[in-house]
PDB file of N, CA and C in Angstrom:
ATOM      1  N   MET A   1      15.857 -37.870  -1.621  1.00  0.00           N
ATOM      2  CA  MET A   1      16.714 -37.200  -0.672  1.00  0.00           C
ATOM      3  C   MET A   1      17.331 -35.978  -1.360  1.00  0.00           C
ATOM      4  N   THR A   2      17.276 -34.840  -0.718  1.00  0.00           N
ATOM      5  CA  THR A   2      17.812 -33.613  -1.312  1.00  0.00           C
ATOM      6  C   THR A   2      19.313 -33.510  -1.068  1.00  0.00           C
ATOM      7  N   THR A   3      19.965 -32.620  -1.819  1.00  0.00           N
ATOM      8  CA  THR A   3      21.403 -32.397  -1.638  1.00  0.00           C
ATOM      9  C   THR A   3      21.703 -31.943  -0.229  1.00  0.00           C
ATOM     10  N   VAL A   4      20.842 -31.112   0.337  1.00  0.00           N
ATOM     11  CA  VAL A   4      21.066 -30.627   1.701  1.00  0.00           C
ATOM     12  C   VAL A   4      20.998 -31.760   2.703  1.00  0.00           C
ATOM     13  N   SER A   5      20.020 -32.666   2.566  1.00  0.00           N
ATOM     14  CA  SER A   5      19.927 -33.773   3.514  1.00  0.00           C
ATOM     15  C   SER A   5      21.085 -34.749   3.335  1.00  0.00           C
ATOM     16  N   VAL A   6      21.522 -34.956   2.084  1.00  0.00           N
ATOM     17  CA  VAL A   6      22.702 -35.790   1.851  1.00  0.00           C
ATOM     18  C   VAL A   6      23.906 -35.159   2.533  1.00  0.00           C
ATOM     19  N   ALA A   7      24.064 -33.851   2.378  1.00  0.00           N
ATOM     20  CA  ALA A   7      25.191 -33.145   2.986  1.00  0.00           C
ATOM     21  C   ALA A   7      25.159 -33.282   4.501  1.00  0.00           C
ATOM     22  N   ARG A   8      24.001 -33.171   5.094  1.00  0.00           N
ATOM     23  CA  ARG A   8      23.903 -33.307   6.555  1.00  0.00           C
ATOM     24  C   ARG A   8      24.324 -34.711   6.994  1.00  0.00           C
ATOM     25  N   ASN A   9      23.877 -35.722   6.262  1.00  0.00           N
ATOM     26  CA  ASN A   9      24.263 -37.087   6.601  1.00  0.00           C
ATOM     27  C   ASN A   9      25.764 -37.283   6.452  1.00  0.00           C
ATOM     28  N   VAL A  10      26.344 -36.726   5.401  1.00  0.00           N
ATOM     29  CA  VAL A  10      27.785 -36.836   5.180  1.00  0.00           C
ATOM     30  C   VAL A  10      28.535 -36.174   6.320  1.00  0.00           C
ATOM     31  N   LEU A  11      28.078 -35.007   6.734  1.00  0.00           N
ATOM     32  CA  LEU A  11      28.765 -34.285   7.797  1.00  0.00           C
ATOM     33  C   LEU A  11      28.700 -35.039   9.114  1.00  0.00           C
ATOM     34  N   GLN A  12      27.588 -35.656   9.387  1.00  0.00           N
ATOM     35  CA  GLN A  12      27.432 -36.379  10.639  1.00  0.00           C
ATOM     36  C   GLN A  12      28.257 -37.658  10.664  1.00  0.00           C
ATOM     37  N   ASP A  13      28.387 -38.318   9.525  1.00  0.00           N
ATOM     38  CA  ASP A  13      29.048 -39.618   9.464  1.00  0.00           C
ATOM     39  C   ASP A  13      30.465 -39.547   8.915  1.00  0.00           C
ATOM     40  N   SER A  14      31.022 -38.351   8.805  1.00  0.00           N
ATOM     41  CA  SER A  14      32.276 -38.195   8.099  1.00  0.00           C
ATOM     42  C   SER A  14      33.426 -37.838   9.021  1.00  0.00           C
ATOM     43  N   ASP A  15      34.602 -38.364   8.670  1.00  0.00           N
ATOM     44  CA  ASP A  15      35.812 -37.931   9.348  1.00  0.00           C
ATOM     45  C   ASP A  15      36.678 -37.121   8.383  1.00  0.00           C
ATOM     46  N   MET A  16      36.063 -36.666   7.265  1.00  0.00           N
ATOM     47  CA  MET A  16      36.777 -35.845   6.292  1.00  0.00           C
ATOM     48  C   MET A  16      37.062 -34.478   6.909  1.00  0.00           C
ATOM     49  N   ALA A  17      38.191 -33.908   6.528  1.00  0.00           N
ATOM     50  CA  ALA A  17      38.547 -32.577   6.995  1.00  0.00           C
ATOM     51  C   ALA A  17      39.160 -31.799   5.837  1.00  0.00           C
ATOM     52  N   LEU A  18      39.113 -30.487   5.956  1.00  0.00           N
ATOM     53  CA  LEU A  18      39.708 -29.611   4.954  1.00  0.00           C
ATOM     54  C   LEU A  18      40.891 -28.878   5.568  1.00  0.00           C
ATOM     55  N   PRO A  19      41.926 -28.609   4.781  1.00  0.00           N
ATOM     56  CA  PRO A  19      43.003 -27.761   5.282  1.00  0.00           C
ATOM     57  C   PRO A  19      42.454 -26.389   5.677  1.00  0.00           C
ATOM     58  N   ALA A  20      43.065 -25.742   6.645  1.00  0.00           N
ATOM     59  CA  ALA A  20      42.572 -24.461   7.158  1.00  0.00           C
ATOM     60  C   ALA A  20      42.523 -23.382   6.086  1.00  0.00           C
ATOM     61  N   GLN A  21      43.426 -23.394   5.142  1.00  0.00           N
ATOM     62  CA  GLN A  21      43.501 -22.348   4.124  1.00  0.00           C
ATOM     63  C   GLN A  21      42.873 -22.749   2.785  1.00  0.00           C
ATOM     64  N   THR A  22      41.864 -23.578   2.795  1.00  0.00           N
ATOM     65  CA  THR A  22      41.213 -24.000   1.555  1.00  0.00           C
ATOM     66  C   THR A  22      40.342 -22.875   1.019  1.00  0.00           C
ATOM     67  N   HIS A  23      40.611 -22.476  -0.225  1.00  0.00           N
ATOM     68  CA  HIS A  23      39.820 -21.420  -0.857  1.00  0.00           C
ATOM     69  C   HIS A  23      38.882 -21.983  -1.908  1.00  0.00           C
ATOM     70  N   GLY A  24      39.113 -23.192  -2.342  1.00  0.00           N
ATOM     71  CA  GLY A  24      38.271 -23.815  -3.346  1.00  0.00           C
ATOM     72  C   GLY A  24      39.015 -24.935  -4.035  1.00  0.00           C
ATOM     73  N   PHE A  25      38.317 -25.631  -4.919  1.00  0.00           N
ATOM     74  CA  PHE A  25      38.887 -26.776  -5.611  1.00  0.00           C
ATOM     75  C   PHE A  25      38.549 -26.723  -7.098  1.00  0.00           C
ATOM     76  N   LEU A  26      39.516 -27.121  -7.911  1.00  0.00           N
ATOM     77  CA  LEU A  26      39.288 -27.441  -9.314  1.00  0.00           C
ATOM     78  C   LEU A  26      39.323 -28.960  -9.378  1.00  0.00           C
ATOM     79  N   ILE A  27      38.231 -29.566  -9.808  1.00  0.00           N
ATOM     80  CA  ILE A  27      38.102 -31.018  -9.781  1.00  0.00           C
ATOM     81  C   ILE A  27      38.019 -31.530 -11.214  1.00  0.00           C
ATOM     82  N   ASP A  28      38.997 -32.329 -11.610  1.00  0.00           N
ATOM     83  CA  ASP A  28      39.038 -32.889 -12.957  1.00  0.00           C
ATOM     84  C   ASP A  28      37.951 -33.943 -13.115  1.00  0.00           C
ATOM     85  N   LEU A  29      37.253 -33.895 -14.226  1.00  0.00           N
ATOM     86  CA  LEU A  29      36.180 -34.853 -14.476  1.00  0.00           C
ATOM     87  C   LEU A  29      36.700 -36.250 -14.805  1.00  0.00           C
ATOM     88  N   ASP A  30      37.624 -36.343 -15.748  1.00  0.00           N
ATOM     89  CA  ASP A  30      38.059 -37.634 -16.279  1.00  0.00           C
ATOM     90  C   ASP A  30      38.936 -38.390 -15.284  1.00  0.00           C
ATOM     91  N   GLY A  31      38.378 -39.467 -14.724  1.00  0.00           N
ATOM     92  CA  GLY A  31      39.113 -40.302 -13.785  1.00  0.00           C
ATOM     93  C   GLY A  31      38.950 -39.892 -12.333  1.00  0.00           C
ATOM     94  N   THR A  32      38.384 -38.716 -12.099  1.00  0.00           N
ATOM     95  CA  THR A  32      38.175 -38.251 -10.726  1.00  0.00           C
ATOM     96  C   THR A  32      36.689 -38.254 -10.386  1.00  0.00           C
ATOM     97  N   VAL A  33      35.897 -37.707 -11.289  1.00  0.00           N
ATOM     98  CA  VAL A  33      34.443 -37.683 -11.132  1.00  0.00           C
ATOM     99  C   VAL A  33      33.798 -38.790 -11.967  1.00  0.00           C
ATOM    100  N   LEU A  34      34.353 -38.992 -13.157  1.00  0.00           N
ATOM    101  CA  LEU A  34      33.826 -39.995 -14.071  1.00  0.00           C
ATOM    102  C   LEU A  34      34.893 -41.022 -14.416  1.00  0.00           C
ATOM    103  N   ASP A  35      34.487 -42.268 -14.456  1.00  0.00           N
ATOM    104  CA  ASP A  35      35.334 -43.352 -14.951  1.00  0.00           C
ATOM    105  C   ASP A  35      34.659 -43.855 -16.215  1.00  0.00           C
ATOM    106  N   GLY A  36      35.086 -43.303 -17.346  1.00  0.00           N
ATOM    107  CA  GLY A  36      34.355 -43.558 -18.585  1.00  0.00           C
ATOM    108  C   GLY A  36      32.994 -42.921 -18.467  1.00  0.00           C
ATOM    109  N   PRO A  37      31.929 -43.665 -18.732  1.00  0.00           N
ATOM    110  CA  PRO A  37      30.585 -43.096 -18.616  1.00  0.00           C
ATOM    111  C   PRO A  37      30.011 -43.181 -17.195  1.00  0.00           C
ATOM    112  N   ASP A  38      30.753 -43.788 -16.272  1.00  0.00           N
ATOM    113  CA  ASP A  38      30.236 -44.047 -14.923  1.00  0.00           C
ATOM    114  C   ASP A  38      30.729 -43.021 -13.907  1.00  0.00           C
ATOM    115  N   LEU A  39      29.851 -42.671 -12.988  1.00  0.00           N
ATOM    116  CA  LEU A  39      30.191 -41.784 -11.885  1.00  0.00           C
ATOM    117  C   LEU A  39      31.040 -42.562 -10.882  1.00  0.00           C
ATOM    118  N   VAL A  40      32.136 -41.967 -10.444  1.00  0.00           N
ATOM    119  CA  VAL A  40      33.004 -42.600  -9.452  1.00  0.00           C
ATOM    120  C   VAL A  40      32.284 -42.628  -8.100  1.00  0.00           C
ATOM    121  N   SER A  41      32.402 -43.729  -7.402  1.00  0.00           N
ATOM    122  CA  SER A  41      31.771 -43.893  -6.093  1.00  0.00           C
ATOM    123  C   SER A  41      32.230 -42.808  -5.128  1.00  0.00           C
ATOM    124  N   GLY A  42      31.292 -42.220  -4.410  1.00  0.00           N
ATOM    125  CA  GLY A  42      31.615 -41.216  -3.398  1.00  0.00           C
ATOM    126  C   GLY A  42      31.584 -39.782  -3.891  1.00  0.00           C
ATOM    127  N   VAL A  43      31.472 -39.577  -5.197  1.00  0.00           N
ATOM    128  CA  VAL A  43      31.478 -38.216  -5.737  1.00  0.00           C
ATOM    129  C   VAL A  43      30.304 -37.383  -5.214  1.00  0.00           C
ATOM    130  N   PRO A  44      29.074 -37.873  -5.255  1.00  0.00           N
ATOM    131  CA  PRO A  44      27.970 -37.046  -4.746  1.00  0.00           C
ATOM    132  C   PRO A  44      28.172 -36.637  -3.286  1.00  0.00           C
ATOM    133  N   GLU A  45      28.678 -37.555  -2.479  1.00  0.00           N
ATOM    134  CA  GLU A  45      28.913 -37.248  -1.070  1.00  0.00           C
ATOM    135  C   GLU A  45      30.025 -36.212  -0.897  1.00  0.00           C
ATOM    136  N   ALA A  46      31.079 -36.345  -1.688  1.00  0.00           N
ATOM    137  CA  ALA A  46      32.183 -35.389  -1.604  1.00  0.00           C
ATOM    138  C   ALA A  46      31.737 -33.992  -2.019  1.00  0.00           C
ATOM    139  N   LEU A  47      30.958 -33.897  -3.094  1.00  0.00           N
ATOM    140  CA  LEU A  47      30.471 -32.595  -3.528  1.00  0.00           C
ATOM    141  C   LEU A  47      29.485 -32.010  -2.515  1.00  0.00           C
ATOM    142  N   ALA A  48      28.669 -32.859  -1.908  1.00  0.00           N
ATOM    143  CA  ALA A  48      27.753 -32.404  -0.854  1.00  0.00           C
ATOM    144  C   ALA A  48      28.537 -31.901   0.351  1.00  0.00           C
ATOM    145  N   PHE A  49      29.632 -32.569   0.681  1.00  0.00           N
ATOM    146  CA  PHE A  49      30.506 -32.158   1.783  1.00  0.00           C
ATOM    147  C   PHE A  49      31.037 -30.745   1.522  1.00  0.00           C
ATOM    148  N   LEU A  50      31.515 -30.491   0.302  1.00  0.00           N
ATOM    149  CA  LEU A  50      32.027 -29.165  -0.039  1.00  0.00           C
ATOM    150  C   LEU A  50      30.910 -28.124  -0.009  1.00  0.00           C
ATOM    151  N   ALA A  51      29.774 -28.469  -0.584  1.00  0.00           N
ATOM    152  CA  ALA A  51      28.648 -27.531  -0.627  1.00  0.00           C
ATOM    153  C   ALA A  51      28.164 -27.169   0.775  1.00  0.00           C
ATOM    154  N   ALA A  52      28.114 -28.138   1.672  1.00  0.00           N
ATOM    155  CA  ALA A  52      27.649 -27.893   3.040  1.00  0.00           C
ATOM    156  C   ALA A  52      28.574 -26.952   3.796  1.00  0.00           C
ATOM    157  N   ARG A  53      29.827 -26.870   3.367  1.00  0.00           N
ATOM    158  CA  ARG A  53      30.801 -25.983   3.997  1.00  0.00           C
ATOM    159  C   ARG A  53      31.045 -24.712   3.176  1.00  0.00           C
ATOM    160  N   SER A  54      30.207 -24.507   2.164  1.00  0.00           N
ATOM    161  CA  SER A  54      30.320 -23.350   1.270  1.00  0.00           C
ATOM    162  C   SER A  54      31.710 -23.216   0.661  1.00  0.00           C
ATOM    163  N   VAL A  55      32.323 -24.362   0.359  1.00  0.00           N
ATOM    164  CA  VAL A  55      33.629 -24.375  -0.303  1.00  0.00           C
ATOM    165  C   VAL A  55      33.379 -24.372  -1.804  1.00  0.00           C
ATOM    166  N   PRO A  56      33.855 -23.351  -2.508  1.00  0.00           N
ATOM    167  CA  PRO A  56      33.627 -23.312  -3.947  1.00  0.00           C
ATOM    168  C   PRO A  56      34.412 -24.399  -4.681  1.00  0.00           C
ATOM    169  N   TYR A  57      33.817 -24.903  -5.746  1.00  0.00           N
ATOM    170  CA  TYR A  57      34.507 -25.866  -6.598  1.00  0.00           C
ATOM    171  C   TYR A  57      34.030 -25.704  -8.025  1.00  0.00           C
ATOM    172  N   ARG A  58      34.892 -26.087  -8.946  1.00  0.00           N
ATOM    173  CA  ARG A  58      34.547 -26.100 -10.363  1.00  0.00           C
ATOM    174  C   ARG A  58      34.960 -27.442 -10.931  1.00  0.00           C
ATOM    175  N   LEU A  59      34.112 -27.994 -11.755  1.00  0.00           N
ATOM    176  CA  LEU A  59      34.427 -29.237 -12.455  1.00  0.00           C
ATOM    177  C   LEU A  59      35.084 -28.852 -13.770  1.00  0.00           C
ATOM    178  N   VAL A  60      36.269 -29.385 -14.016  1.00  0.00           N
ATOM    179  CA  VAL A  60      37.044 -29.008 -15.194  1.00  0.00           C
ATOM    180  C   VAL A  60      37.520 -30.246 -15.937  1.00  0.00           C
ATOM    181  N   THR A  61      37.968 -30.032 -17.173  1.00  0.00           N
ATOM    182  CA  THR A  61      38.564 -31.105 -17.944  1.00  0.00           C
ATOM    183  C   THR A  61      39.553 -30.514 -18.935  1.00  0.00           C
ATOM    184  N   ASN A  62      40.535 -31.289 -19.277  1.00  0.00           N
ATOM    185  CA  ASN A  62      41.445 -30.904 -20.349  1.00  0.00           C
ATOM    186  C   ASN A  62      41.252 -31.807 -21.555  1.00  0.00           C
ATOM    187  N   THR A  63      40.196 -32.605 -21.520  1.00  0.00           N
ATOM    188  CA  THR A  63      39.870 -33.506 -22.623  1.00  0.00           C
ATOM    189  C   THR A  63      38.971 -32.749 -23.605  1.00  0.00           C
ATOM    190  N   THR A  64      39.490 -32.496 -24.810  1.00  0.00           N
ATOM    191  CA  THR A  64      38.683 -31.765 -25.803  1.00  0.00           C
ATOM    192  C   THR A  64      37.781 -32.702 -26.583  1.00  0.00           C
ATOM    193  N   SER A  65      38.211 -33.922 -26.740  1.00  0.00           N
ATOM    194  CA  SER A  65      37.376 -34.940 -27.383  1.00  0.00           C
ATOM    195  C   SER A  65      37.891 -36.302 -26.961  1.00  0.00           C
ATOM    196  N   LYS A  66      37.028 -37.272 -27.049  1.00  0.00           N
ATOM    197  CA  LYS A  66      37.414 -38.609 -26.613  1.00  0.00           C
ATOM    198  C   LYS A  66      36.841 -39.613 -27.591  1.00  0.00           C
ATOM    199  N   CYS A  67      37.696 -40.478 -28.108  1.00  0.00           N
ATOM    200  CA  CYS A  67      37.227 -41.541 -28.993  1.00  0.00           C
ATOM    201  C   CYS A  67      36.663 -42.685 -28.156  1.00  0.00           C
ATOM    202  N   GLU A  68      35.559 -43.185 -28.558  1.00  0.00           N
ATOM    203  CA  GLU A  68      34.952 -44.313 -27.842  1.00  0.00           C
ATOM    204  C   GLU A  68      35.061 -45.551 -28.692  1.00  0.00           C
TER     205      GLU A  68
END
């Protein structure tokens, strides 16, 4: 399944909405996108939702290093 088809499915089955004045998002990786080494549930769908609406986003972190 391509990102575009995932985005279409998300849009059809979603009740998510964006504020009218949304210009973009800075999305923190640690704890928002990733939980340790694991991808947080729903992240691919959320990013597809933003991409389908041409909402810019950047994945960011303030973690310079992490001890395991």
